[in-house]
Amino acid sequence: MALARLLVITSNFHFERARDTFQWVYGLSDGSCELTVIAVPDSGIDRDSLNVRREKERRSLLSLRQPMREIETLARLQHWLFLRHDAYN
């Protein structure tokens, strides 16, 4: 059974990468899933740590741009995730 609606709640510093990634992945399927991504404030994180996290998110999103352009099917995404992505290969 496919998801009809999906709500993602994430930190503000992580919002852009989370949104773009979920849009990419769910866009590879039939596209019928209603996706909503909401950011919550980055409260409780000191300024230096927040700057480090924002920079890491920026670099991570930049590194995803190429695969997002090249991968057009769920099968190719699965192959990339488990054989080429640094976190899973």
N, C-alpha and C. Protein backbone atom coordinates (compact mmCIF):
# COMPACT_ATOMS: atom_id res chain seq x y z
N MET A 1 0.84 -1.18 0.00
CA MET A 1 0.00 0.00 0.00
C MET A 1 0.89 1.25 0.00
N ALA A 2 0.67 2.13 -0.92
CA ALA A 2 1.46 3.36 -1.01
C ALA A 2 0.92 4.41 -0.04
N LEU A 3 1.80 5.29 0.37
CA LEU A 3 1.39 6.39 1.25
C LEU A 3 0.60 7.41 0.45
N ALA A 4 -0.49 7.89 1.04
CA ALA A 4 -1.27 8.93 0.39
C ALA A 4 -0.79 10.30 0.84
N ARG A 5 -0.39 10.41 2.11
CA ARG A 5 0.09 11.67 2.65
C ARG A 5 1.27 11.40 3.57
N LEU A 6 2.22 12.32 3.55
CA LEU A 6 3.40 12.20 4.40
C LEU A 6 3.72 13.56 4.98
N LEU A 7 3.90 13.60 6.30
CA LEU A 7 4.29 14.81 7.00
C LEU A 7 5.66 14.60 7.59
N VAL A 8 6.61 15.45 7.22
CA VAL A 8 7.97 15.39 7.74
C VAL A 8 8.17 16.65 8.59
N ILE A 9 8.58 16.44 9.84
CA ILE A 9 8.88 17.55 10.73
C ILE A 9 10.36 17.46 11.07
N THR A 10 11.07 18.55 10.81
CA THR A 10 12.52 18.54 11.00
C THR A 10 13.00 19.88 11.53
N SER A 11 14.22 19.91 11.95
CA SER A 11 14.83 21.15 12.43
C SER A 11 14.97 22.15 11.29
N ASN A 12 14.93 23.41 11.63
CA ASN A 12 15.07 24.46 10.63
C ASN A 12 16.37 24.33 9.85
N PHE A 13 17.49 24.01 10.55
CA PHE A 13 18.78 23.90 9.85
C PHE A 13 18.81 22.74 8.86
N HIS A 14 17.93 21.77 9.04
CA HIS A 14 17.90 20.57 8.21
C HIS A 14 16.78 20.62 7.16
N PHE A 15 15.97 21.65 7.20
CA PHE A 15 14.76 21.72 6.39
C PHE A 15 15.01 21.57 4.90
N GLU A 16 15.91 22.36 4.34
CA GLU A 16 16.10 22.38 2.89
C GLU A 16 16.52 21.01 2.35
N ARG A 17 17.48 20.38 3.02
CA ARG A 17 17.93 19.07 2.54
C ARG A 17 16.84 18.01 2.70
N ALA A 18 16.14 18.06 3.84
CA ALA A 18 15.05 17.10 4.06
C ALA A 18 13.96 17.27 3.00
N ARG A 19 13.54 18.50 2.78
CA ARG A 19 12.50 18.77 1.78
C ARG A 19 12.92 18.30 0.39
N ASP A 20 14.10 18.72 -0.04
CA ASP A 20 14.56 18.36 -1.38
C ASP A 20 14.72 16.86 -1.54
N THR A 21 15.22 16.19 -0.51
CA THR A 21 15.41 14.74 -0.58
C THR A 21 14.08 14.01 -0.65
N PHE A 22 13.14 14.38 0.21
CA PHE A 22 11.83 13.72 0.18
C PHE A 22 11.12 13.99 -1.14
N GLN A 23 11.19 15.21 -1.64
CA GLN A 23 10.57 15.51 -2.94
C GLN A 23 11.19 14.67 -4.04
N TRP A 24 12.50 14.51 -4.01
CA TRP A 24 13.20 13.70 -5.02
C TRP A 24 12.75 12.26 -4.94
N VAL A 25 12.84 11.67 -3.75
CA VAL A 25 12.54 10.25 -3.59
C VAL A 25 11.07 9.96 -3.94
N TYR A 26 10.15 10.74 -3.39
CA TYR A 26 8.75 10.48 -3.68
C TYR A 26 8.38 10.88 -5.10
N GLY A 27 9.13 11.75 -5.72
CA GLY A 27 8.92 12.07 -7.11
C GLY A 27 9.32 10.95 -8.05
N LEU A 28 10.15 10.03 -7.57
CA LEU A 28 10.55 8.87 -8.39
C LEU A 28 9.46 7.83 -8.46
N SER A 29 8.53 7.88 -7.52
CA SER A 29 7.41 6.94 -7.55
C SER A 29 6.31 7.53 -8.42
N ASP A 30 5.09 7.13 -8.22
CA ASP A 30 4.02 7.61 -9.08
C ASP A 30 3.61 9.06 -8.80
N GLY A 31 4.20 9.65 -7.76
CA GLY A 31 3.96 11.06 -7.48
C GLY A 31 2.62 11.36 -6.83
N SER A 32 1.92 10.34 -6.38
CA SER A 32 0.59 10.57 -5.81
C SER A 32 0.62 10.89 -4.32
N CYS A 33 1.76 10.84 -3.71
CA CYS A 33 1.88 11.12 -2.28
C CYS A 33 1.88 12.62 -2.04
N GLU A 34 1.00 13.07 -1.14
CA GLU A 34 0.98 14.48 -0.75
C GLU A 34 2.03 14.68 0.34
N LEU A 35 3.06 15.45 0.04
CA LEU A 35 4.18 15.65 0.94
C LEU A 35 4.13 17.03 1.56
N THR A 36 4.25 17.07 2.88
CA THR A 36 4.35 18.33 3.62
C THR A 36 5.58 18.25 4.49
N VAL A 37 6.43 19.26 4.41
CA VAL A 37 7.64 19.32 5.23
C VAL A 37 7.57 20.60 6.07
N ILE A 38 7.69 20.44 7.37
CA ILE A 38 7.59 21.56 8.31
C ILE A 38 8.89 21.66 9.10
N ALA A 39 9.36 22.89 9.26
CA ALA A 39 10.57 23.13 10.06
C ALA A 39 10.17 23.65 11.44
N VAL A 40 10.87 23.16 12.44
CA VAL A 40 10.70 23.68 13.80
C VAL A 40 11.94 24.50 14.14
N PRO A 41 11.81 25.44 15.07
CA PRO A 41 12.95 26.30 15.40
C PRO A 41 14.16 25.51 15.90
N ASP A 42 15.31 26.09 15.68
CA ASP A 42 16.58 25.49 16.12
C ASP A 42 16.90 25.90 17.56
N SER A 43 15.90 26.07 18.38
CA SER A 43 16.13 26.51 19.75
C SER A 43 16.88 25.45 20.55
N GLY A 44 17.72 25.92 21.46
CA GLY A 44 18.48 25.01 22.31
C GLY A 44 19.83 24.61 21.74
N ILE A 45 20.14 25.08 20.54
CA ILE A 45 21.43 24.77 19.91
C ILE A 45 22.26 26.05 19.94
N ASP A 46 23.45 25.97 20.51
CA ASP A 46 24.28 27.18 20.58
C ASP A 46 24.71 27.60 19.17
N ARG A 47 25.05 28.87 19.04
CA ARG A 47 25.34 29.47 17.74
C ARG A 47 26.45 28.75 16.98
N ASP A 48 27.54 28.41 17.66
CA ASP A 48 28.66 27.74 16.98
C ASP A 48 28.24 26.36 16.45
N SER A 49 27.55 25.60 17.28
CA SER A 49 27.08 24.28 16.86
C SER A 49 26.09 24.39 15.71
N LEU A 50 25.22 25.37 15.78
CA LEU A 50 24.25 25.58 14.72
C LEU A 50 24.94 25.94 13.41
N ASN A 51 25.95 26.77 13.46
CA ASN A 51 26.70 27.12 12.25
C ASN A 51 27.38 25.90 11.65
N VAL A 52 27.93 25.03 12.49
CA VAL A 52 28.56 23.79 12.01
C VAL A 52 27.51 22.91 11.34
N ARG A 53 26.36 22.76 11.96
CA ARG A 53 25.29 21.94 11.38
C ARG A 53 24.79 22.52 10.06
N ARG A 54 24.61 23.82 10.00
CA ARG A 54 24.16 24.45 8.76
C ARG A 54 25.16 24.22 7.63
N GLU A 55 26.43 24.35 7.94
CA GLU A 55 27.46 24.13 6.92
C GLU A 55 27.47 22.67 6.45
N LYS A 56 27.32 21.75 7.38
CA LYS A 56 27.26 20.34 7.01
C LYS A 56 26.05 20.06 6.11
N GLU A 57 24.92 20.64 6.45
CA GLU A 57 23.72 20.48 5.62
C GLU A 57 23.94 21.07 4.23
N ARG A 58 24.56 22.24 4.16
CA ARG A 58 24.82 22.88 2.88
C ARG A 58 25.68 21.99 1.99
N ARG A 59 26.77 21.45 2.57
CA ARG A 59 27.66 20.56 1.80
C ARG A 59 26.93 19.28 1.39
N SER A 60 26.15 18.73 2.30
CA SER A 60 25.42 17.49 1.99
C SER A 60 24.43 17.70 0.86
N LEU A 61 23.72 18.81 0.90
CA LEU A 61 22.77 19.08 -0.17
C LEU A 61 23.48 19.29 -1.50
N LEU A 62 24.59 19.99 -1.48
CA LEU A 62 25.36 20.16 -2.72
C LEU A 62 25.80 18.82 -3.28
N SER A 63 26.22 17.91 -2.41
CA SER A 63 26.67 16.59 -2.90
C SER A 63 25.52 15.75 -3.43
N LEU A 64 24.29 16.06 -3.03
CA LEU A 64 23.13 15.32 -3.54
C LEU A 64 22.64 15.83 -4.88
N ARG A 65 23.01 17.02 -5.25
CA ARG A 65 22.49 17.62 -6.49
C ARG A 65 22.78 16.77 -7.72
N GLN A 66 23.98 16.23 -7.83
CA GLN A 66 24.32 15.40 -8.99
C GLN A 66 23.48 14.12 -9.05
N PRO A 67 23.44 13.33 -7.98
CA PRO A 67 22.58 12.15 -8.02
C PRO A 67 21.11 12.50 -8.29
N MET A 68 20.65 13.62 -7.76
CA MET A 68 19.25 14.02 -8.00
C MET A 68 18.99 14.26 -9.48
N ARG A 69 19.99 14.76 -10.19
CA ARG A 69 19.84 15.00 -11.63
C ARG A 69 19.93 13.69 -12.43
N GLU A 70 20.73 12.76 -11.94
CA GLU A 70 21.01 11.55 -12.71
C GLU A 70 20.07 10.39 -12.43
N ILE A 71 19.59 10.27 -11.21
CA ILE A 71 18.79 9.11 -10.82
C ILE A 71 17.32 9.40 -11.06
N GLU A 72 16.70 8.58 -11.91
CA GLU A 72 15.32 8.84 -12.32
C GLU A 72 14.36 7.71 -12.01
N THR A 73 14.85 6.65 -11.37
CA THR A 73 13.96 5.54 -11.01
C THR A 73 14.28 5.08 -9.59
N LEU A 74 13.31 4.44 -8.96
CA LEU A 74 13.54 3.91 -7.62
C LEU A 74 14.61 2.81 -7.62
N ALA A 75 14.67 2.03 -8.67
CA ALA A 75 15.68 0.97 -8.76
C ALA A 75 17.09 1.57 -8.80
N ARG A 76 17.27 2.62 -9.57
CA ARG A 76 18.58 3.28 -9.63
C ARG A 76 18.92 3.97 -8.31
N LEU A 77 17.90 4.51 -7.63
CA LEU A 77 18.12 5.11 -6.32
C LEU A 77 18.58 4.05 -5.33
N GLN A 78 17.94 2.91 -5.33
CA GLN A 78 18.32 1.82 -4.43
C GLN A 78 19.76 1.39 -4.71
N HIS A 79 20.11 1.24 -5.95
CA HIS A 79 21.47 0.86 -6.33
C HIS A 79 22.46 1.90 -5.81
N TRP A 80 22.19 3.18 -6.04
CA TRP A 80 23.07 4.25 -5.59
C TRP A 80 23.20 4.27 -4.07
N LEU A 81 22.08 4.15 -3.36
CA LEU A 81 22.11 4.19 -1.90
C LEU A 81 22.97 3.09 -1.30
N PHE A 82 22.80 1.88 -1.79
CA PHE A 82 23.46 0.75 -1.15
C PHE A 82 24.83 0.40 -1.72
N LEU A 83 25.18 0.97 -2.86
CA LEU A 83 26.49 0.66 -3.44
C LEU A 83 27.41 1.87 -3.58
N ARG A 84 26.85 3.07 -3.58
CA ARG A 84 27.70 4.25 -3.82
C ARG A 84 27.64 5.30 -2.72
N HIS A 85 26.53 5.40 -2.01
CA HIS A 85 26.39 6.42 -0.97
C HIS A 85 27.29 6.11 0.22
N ASP A 86 28.00 7.12 0.71
CA ASP A 86 28.99 6.91 1.78
C ASP A 86 28.39 6.36 3.05
N ALA A 87 27.15 6.64 3.36
CA ALA A 87 26.57 6.18 4.63
C ALA A 87 26.18 4.70 4.61
N TYR A 88 25.96 4.13 3.43
CA TYR A 88 25.41 2.77 3.38
C TYR A 88 26.26 1.74 2.64
N ASN A 89 27.19 2.17 1.79
CA ASN A 89 27.92 1.18 1.01
C ASN A 89 28.95 0.44 1.83
